[in-house]
Amino acid sequence: RDKLTLRYTGGMVPDVTQILIKGSGVFATPTASRFKVKLRVCFECGPLAHMITCAGGRALDEQGRPYDDVVVCTMDQRSGIVLGSADAVEKLRTALTTDKAKPSKL
């Protein structure tokens, strides 16, 4: 079994940098109707998703679709995101979509 640790700095950039340095891990920001998502597609999510996929990882939107497929409608558009090493992102996606009768949002 893999030894997993929790890292939370409160910032996307330091957490994603750690994933790139270690070559493993996942960053996820949850979505729910009761609170506003803070990360913007054009300025945070999109660029880091592109960087992670170029490094061989995966990035998904809150619906579980590849982040490269996100269509930007406004400059201030916000989105949930899951990104990291390909295997870690797949494990999280599988866990979130198979634990319940219907798939949940990522």
N, C-alpha and C. Protein backbone atom coordinates (compact mmCIF):
# COMPACT_ATOMS: atom_id res chain seq x y z
N ARG A 1 0.84 -1.18 0.00
CA ARG A 1 0.00 0.00 0.00
C ARG A 1 0.89 1.25 0.00
N ASP A 2 0.48 2.23 -0.80
CA ASP A 2 1.25 3.48 -0.90
C ASP A 2 1.14 4.28 0.40
N LYS A 3 2.26 4.88 0.78
CA LYS A 3 2.25 5.78 1.93
C LYS A 3 1.78 7.14 1.44
N LEU A 4 0.65 7.61 1.97
CA LEU A 4 0.09 8.89 1.56
C LEU A 4 0.21 9.89 2.68
N THR A 5 0.41 11.14 2.32
CA THR A 5 0.45 12.22 3.30
C THR A 5 -0.48 13.33 2.83
N LEU A 6 -0.90 14.16 3.74
CA LEU A 6 -1.76 15.29 3.42
C LEU A 6 -0.93 16.57 3.48
N ARG A 7 -1.05 17.36 2.44
CA ARG A 7 -0.37 18.65 2.40
C ARG A 7 -1.42 19.69 2.05
N TYR A 8 -1.48 20.75 2.84
CA TYR A 8 -2.39 21.85 2.55
C TYR A 8 -1.72 23.14 2.95
N THR A 9 -1.42 23.97 1.97
CA THR A 9 -0.79 25.26 2.26
C THR A 9 -1.78 26.41 2.15
N GLY A 10 -2.94 26.14 1.58
CA GLY A 10 -3.89 27.21 1.36
C GLY A 10 -3.69 27.88 0.01
N GLY A 11 -2.73 27.41 -0.75
CA GLY A 11 -2.45 27.98 -2.06
C GLY A 11 -2.29 26.90 -3.11
N MET A 12 -2.83 27.14 -4.28
CA MET A 12 -2.74 26.16 -5.35
C MET A 12 -1.31 26.02 -5.87
N VAL A 13 -0.62 27.13 -6.07
CA VAL A 13 0.71 27.09 -6.68
C VAL A 13 1.71 26.29 -5.84
N PRO A 14 1.82 26.51 -4.52
CA PRO A 14 2.78 25.70 -3.77
C PRO A 14 2.42 24.22 -3.74
N ASP A 15 1.13 23.91 -3.68
CA ASP A 15 0.72 22.50 -3.67
C ASP A 15 1.01 21.82 -5.01
N VAL A 16 0.75 22.50 -6.11
CA VAL A 16 1.03 21.93 -7.43
C VAL A 16 2.53 21.83 -7.67
N THR A 17 3.29 22.81 -7.18
CA THR A 17 4.75 22.74 -7.28
C THR A 17 5.27 21.50 -6.57
N GLN A 18 4.73 21.20 -5.41
CA GLN A 18 5.13 20.01 -4.67
C GLN A 18 4.82 18.73 -5.47
N ILE A 19 3.69 18.70 -6.14
CA ILE A 19 3.33 17.54 -6.98
C ILE A 19 4.35 17.38 -8.10
N LEU A 20 4.73 18.49 -8.73
CA LEU A 20 5.72 18.43 -9.81
C LEU A 20 7.08 17.97 -9.31
N ILE A 21 7.49 18.45 -8.14
CA ILE A 21 8.79 18.07 -7.58
C ILE A 21 8.81 16.59 -7.20
N LYS A 22 7.76 16.12 -6.55
CA LYS A 22 7.70 14.72 -6.10
C LYS A 22 7.34 13.76 -7.23
N GLY A 23 6.67 14.26 -8.26
CA GLY A 23 6.24 13.41 -9.37
C GLY A 23 5.02 12.59 -9.04
N SER A 24 4.34 12.94 -7.96
CA SER A 24 3.18 12.18 -7.53
C SER A 24 2.31 13.06 -6.65
N GLY A 25 1.03 12.78 -6.66
CA GLY A 25 0.12 13.51 -5.79
C GLY A 25 -1.07 14.06 -6.55
N VAL A 26 -2.00 14.63 -5.80
CA VAL A 26 -3.20 15.18 -6.40
C VAL A 26 -3.59 16.46 -5.67
N PHE A 27 -4.08 17.44 -6.43
CA PHE A 27 -4.63 18.67 -5.88
C PHE A 27 -6.09 18.70 -6.31
N ALA A 28 -6.98 18.94 -5.37
CA ALA A 28 -8.40 19.00 -5.69
C ALA A 28 -9.04 20.15 -4.95
N THR A 29 -9.90 20.85 -5.62
CA THR A 29 -10.70 21.87 -4.97
C THR A 29 -12.16 21.46 -5.17
N PRO A 30 -12.89 21.30 -4.09
CA PRO A 30 -14.26 20.80 -4.17
C PRO A 30 -15.23 21.85 -4.69
N THR A 31 -16.35 21.38 -5.18
CA THR A 31 -17.41 22.27 -5.60
C THR A 31 -18.68 21.87 -4.87
N ALA A 32 -19.48 22.84 -4.52
CA ALA A 32 -20.77 22.61 -3.89
C ALA A 32 -21.63 23.85 -4.11
N SER A 33 -22.92 23.66 -4.10
CA SER A 33 -23.82 24.78 -4.36
C SER A 33 -23.83 25.80 -3.22
N ARG A 34 -23.37 25.41 -2.03
CA ARG A 34 -23.45 26.33 -0.89
C ARG A 34 -22.27 27.28 -0.75
N PHE A 35 -21.19 27.09 -1.53
CA PHE A 35 -20.09 28.05 -1.47
C PHE A 35 -19.53 28.31 -2.86
N LYS A 36 -18.98 29.51 -3.02
CA LYS A 36 -18.48 29.95 -4.32
C LYS A 36 -17.06 29.41 -4.55
N VAL A 37 -16.84 28.86 -5.72
CA VAL A 37 -15.50 28.39 -6.09
C VAL A 37 -14.63 29.61 -6.34
N LYS A 38 -13.40 29.59 -5.83
CA LYS A 38 -12.54 30.76 -5.91
C LYS A 38 -11.57 30.75 -7.09
N LEU A 39 -11.20 29.57 -7.58
CA LEU A 39 -10.16 29.49 -8.61
C LEU A 39 -10.71 29.87 -9.98
N ARG A 40 -10.00 30.76 -10.66
CA ARG A 40 -10.43 31.23 -11.97
C ARG A 40 -9.80 30.38 -13.08
N VAL A 41 -10.58 30.13 -14.11
CA VAL A 41 -10.14 29.28 -15.22
C VAL A 41 -8.96 29.90 -15.96
N CYS A 42 -9.06 31.16 -16.31
CA CYS A 42 -8.01 31.81 -17.13
C CYS A 42 -6.70 32.05 -16.40
N PHE A 43 -6.76 32.22 -15.10
CA PHE A 43 -5.57 32.67 -14.38
C PHE A 43 -4.95 31.62 -13.46
N GLU A 44 -5.72 30.70 -12.93
CA GLU A 44 -5.16 29.68 -12.06
C GLU A 44 -5.33 28.27 -12.65
N CYS A 45 -6.56 27.87 -12.85
CA CYS A 45 -6.83 26.49 -13.25
C CYS A 45 -6.28 26.14 -14.63
N GLY A 46 -6.57 26.93 -15.62
CA GLY A 46 -6.14 26.64 -16.98
C GLY A 46 -4.63 26.52 -17.15
N PRO A 47 -3.86 27.53 -16.71
CA PRO A 47 -2.41 27.45 -16.87
C PRO A 47 -1.78 26.28 -16.12
N LEU A 48 -2.21 26.04 -14.87
CA LEU A 48 -1.62 24.93 -14.11
C LEU A 48 -2.08 23.57 -14.65
N ALA A 49 -3.30 23.49 -15.13
CA ALA A 49 -3.77 22.24 -15.75
C ALA A 49 -2.94 21.94 -16.99
N HIS A 50 -2.65 22.95 -17.79
CA HIS A 50 -1.83 22.77 -18.98
C HIS A 50 -0.41 22.31 -18.60
N MET A 51 0.16 22.94 -17.59
CA MET A 51 1.50 22.59 -17.14
C MET A 51 1.54 21.13 -16.65
N ILE A 52 0.56 20.73 -15.88
CA ILE A 52 0.51 19.36 -15.35
C ILE A 52 0.35 18.34 -16.48
N THR A 53 -0.52 18.62 -17.45
CA THR A 53 -0.71 17.67 -18.55
C THR A 53 0.53 17.59 -19.43
N CYS A 54 1.23 18.71 -19.61
CA CYS A 54 2.50 18.68 -20.36
C CYS A 54 3.56 17.86 -19.65
N ALA A 55 3.47 17.78 -18.32
CA ALA A 55 4.43 17.01 -17.53
C ALA A 55 4.02 15.53 -17.42
N GLY A 56 2.92 15.15 -18.07
CA GLY A 56 2.49 13.75 -18.05
C GLY A 56 1.39 13.44 -17.07
N GLY A 57 0.86 14.45 -16.39
CA GLY A 57 -0.22 14.24 -15.43
C GLY A 57 -1.58 14.40 -16.06
N ARG A 58 -2.60 14.49 -15.23
CA ARG A 58 -3.98 14.67 -15.69
C ARG A 58 -4.62 15.82 -14.95
N ALA A 59 -5.56 16.47 -15.62
CA ALA A 59 -6.34 17.54 -15.01
C ALA A 59 -7.79 17.37 -15.45
N LEU A 60 -8.70 17.39 -14.47
CA LEU A 60 -10.13 17.21 -14.74
C LEU A 60 -10.91 18.38 -14.17
N ASP A 61 -12.04 18.70 -14.81
CA ASP A 61 -12.93 19.71 -14.24
C ASP A 61 -13.83 19.05 -13.21
N GLU A 62 -14.77 19.82 -12.64
CA GLU A 62 -15.61 19.28 -11.58
C GLU A 62 -16.58 18.20 -12.07
N GLN A 63 -16.75 18.08 -13.37
CA GLN A 63 -17.60 17.04 -13.94
C GLN A 63 -16.81 15.78 -14.32
N GLY A 64 -15.51 15.82 -14.13
CA GLY A 64 -14.67 14.67 -14.46
C GLY A 64 -14.18 14.65 -15.90
N ARG A 65 -14.37 15.75 -16.61
CA ARG A 65 -13.92 15.85 -18.00
C ARG A 65 -12.51 16.42 -18.04
N PRO A 66 -11.74 16.10 -19.10
CA PRO A 66 -10.39 16.68 -19.23
C PRO A 66 -10.45 18.21 -19.19
N TYR A 67 -9.55 18.83 -18.45
CA TYR A 67 -9.60 20.28 -18.28
C TYR A 67 -9.33 21.03 -19.57
N ASP A 68 -8.63 20.40 -20.50
CA ASP A 68 -8.39 21.04 -21.80
C ASP A 68 -9.67 21.30 -22.57
N ASP A 69 -10.76 20.61 -22.21
CA ASP A 69 -12.04 20.76 -22.90
C ASP A 69 -12.91 21.86 -22.32
N VAL A 70 -12.46 22.53 -21.26
CA VAL A 70 -13.24 23.60 -20.64
C VAL A 70 -13.33 24.78 -21.61
N VAL A 71 -14.54 25.25 -21.84
CA VAL A 71 -14.77 26.40 -22.71
C VAL A 71 -14.88 27.63 -21.83
N VAL A 72 -14.04 28.62 -22.10
CA VAL A 72 -14.04 29.86 -21.32
C VAL A 72 -15.08 30.79 -21.90
N CYS A 73 -16.03 31.21 -21.04
CA CYS A 73 -17.10 32.11 -21.47
C CYS A 73 -16.88 33.54 -21.00
N THR A 74 -16.26 33.69 -19.82
CA THR A 74 -15.97 35.02 -19.28
C THR A 74 -14.56 35.02 -18.68
N MET A 75 -13.96 36.20 -18.60
CA MET A 75 -12.62 36.31 -18.02
C MET A 75 -12.59 35.91 -16.55
N ASP A 76 -13.70 36.09 -15.85
CA ASP A 76 -13.77 35.81 -14.42
C ASP A 76 -14.42 34.44 -14.12
N GLN A 77 -14.55 33.60 -15.13
CA GLN A 77 -15.17 32.28 -14.94
C GLN A 77 -14.38 31.47 -13.92
N ARG A 78 -15.10 30.81 -13.03
CA ARG A 78 -14.47 30.03 -11.97
C ARG A 78 -14.85 28.57 -12.10
N SER A 79 -13.99 27.70 -11.55
CA SER A 79 -14.20 26.28 -11.76
C SER A 79 -13.51 25.47 -10.67
N GLY A 80 -14.07 24.30 -10.41
CA GLY A 80 -13.39 23.32 -9.57
C GLY A 80 -12.39 22.57 -10.45
N ILE A 81 -11.41 21.94 -9.82
CA ILE A 81 -10.38 21.24 -10.59
C ILE A 81 -9.79 20.11 -9.76
N VAL A 82 -9.41 19.06 -10.45
CA VAL A 82 -8.62 17.97 -9.86
C VAL A 82 -7.44 17.79 -10.80
N LEU A 83 -6.23 17.90 -10.27
CA LEU A 83 -5.06 17.71 -11.12
C LEU A 83 -3.94 17.06 -10.33
N GLY A 84 -3.03 16.44 -11.05
CA GLY A 84 -1.89 15.79 -10.41
C GLY A 84 -1.33 14.68 -11.28
N SER A 85 -0.63 13.75 -10.64
CA SER A 85 -0.08 12.63 -11.39
C SER A 85 -1.25 11.80 -11.94
N ALA A 86 -1.04 11.22 -13.12
CA ALA A 86 -2.13 10.52 -13.81
C ALA A 86 -2.73 9.42 -12.94
N ASP A 87 -1.90 8.64 -12.26
CA ASP A 87 -2.44 7.54 -11.45
C ASP A 87 -3.21 8.04 -10.23
N ALA A 88 -2.73 9.10 -9.58
CA ALA A 88 -3.42 9.63 -8.40
C ALA A 88 -4.76 10.25 -8.78
N VAL A 89 -4.81 10.96 -9.89
CA VAL A 89 -6.06 11.56 -10.35
C VAL A 89 -7.06 10.47 -10.72
N GLU A 90 -6.60 9.43 -11.37
CA GLU A 90 -7.50 8.33 -11.74
C GLU A 90 -8.04 7.61 -10.50
N LYS A 91 -7.20 7.39 -9.50
CA LYS A 91 -7.66 6.76 -8.25
C LYS A 91 -8.74 7.60 -7.59
N LEU A 92 -8.54 8.92 -7.53
CA LEU A 92 -9.53 9.81 -6.92
C LEU A 92 -10.81 9.82 -7.73
N ARG A 93 -10.71 9.92 -9.05
CA ARG A 93 -11.89 9.93 -9.91
C ARG A 93 -12.69 8.65 -9.73
N THR A 94 -12.01 7.52 -9.71
CA THR A 94 -12.67 6.22 -9.55
C THR A 94 -13.36 6.14 -8.18
N ALA A 95 -12.68 6.57 -7.14
CA ALA A 95 -13.25 6.53 -5.80
C ALA A 95 -14.50 7.40 -5.69
N LEU A 96 -14.47 8.57 -6.30
CA LEU A 96 -15.61 9.48 -6.21
C LEU A 96 -16.79 9.04 -7.06
N THR A 97 -16.55 8.32 -8.13
CA THR A 97 -17.65 7.95 -9.02
C THR A 97 -18.19 6.55 -8.77
N THR A 98 -17.48 5.71 -8.01
CA THR A 98 -17.98 4.35 -7.78
C THR A 98 -18.49 4.12 -6.37
N ASP A 99 -18.27 5.04 -5.44
CA ASP A 99 -18.73 4.84 -4.07
C ASP A 99 -20.23 5.05 -3.90
N LYS A 100 -20.86 5.67 -4.84
CA LYS A 100 -22.28 5.96 -4.73
C LYS A 100 -23.02 5.38 -5.93
N ALA A 101 -24.32 5.31 -5.82
CA ALA A 101 -25.13 4.78 -6.91
C ALA A 101 -25.02 5.66 -8.17
N LYS A 102 -25.02 6.97 -7.97
CA LYS A 102 -24.86 7.86 -9.11
C LYS A 102 -23.54 8.61 -8.99
N PRO A 103 -22.89 8.93 -10.10
CA PRO A 103 -21.61 9.65 -10.04
C PRO A 103 -21.77 11.01 -9.36
N SER A 104 -20.80 11.36 -8.56
CA SER A 104 -20.83 12.66 -7.90
C SER A 104 -19.93 13.63 -8.63
N LYS A 105 -20.11 14.90 -8.32
CA LYS A 105 -19.20 15.91 -8.88
C LYS A 105 -17.85 15.74 -8.24
N LEU A 106 -16.80 16.01 -9.00
CA LEU A 106 -15.44 15.93 -8.46
C LEU A 106 -15.12 17.12 -7.65
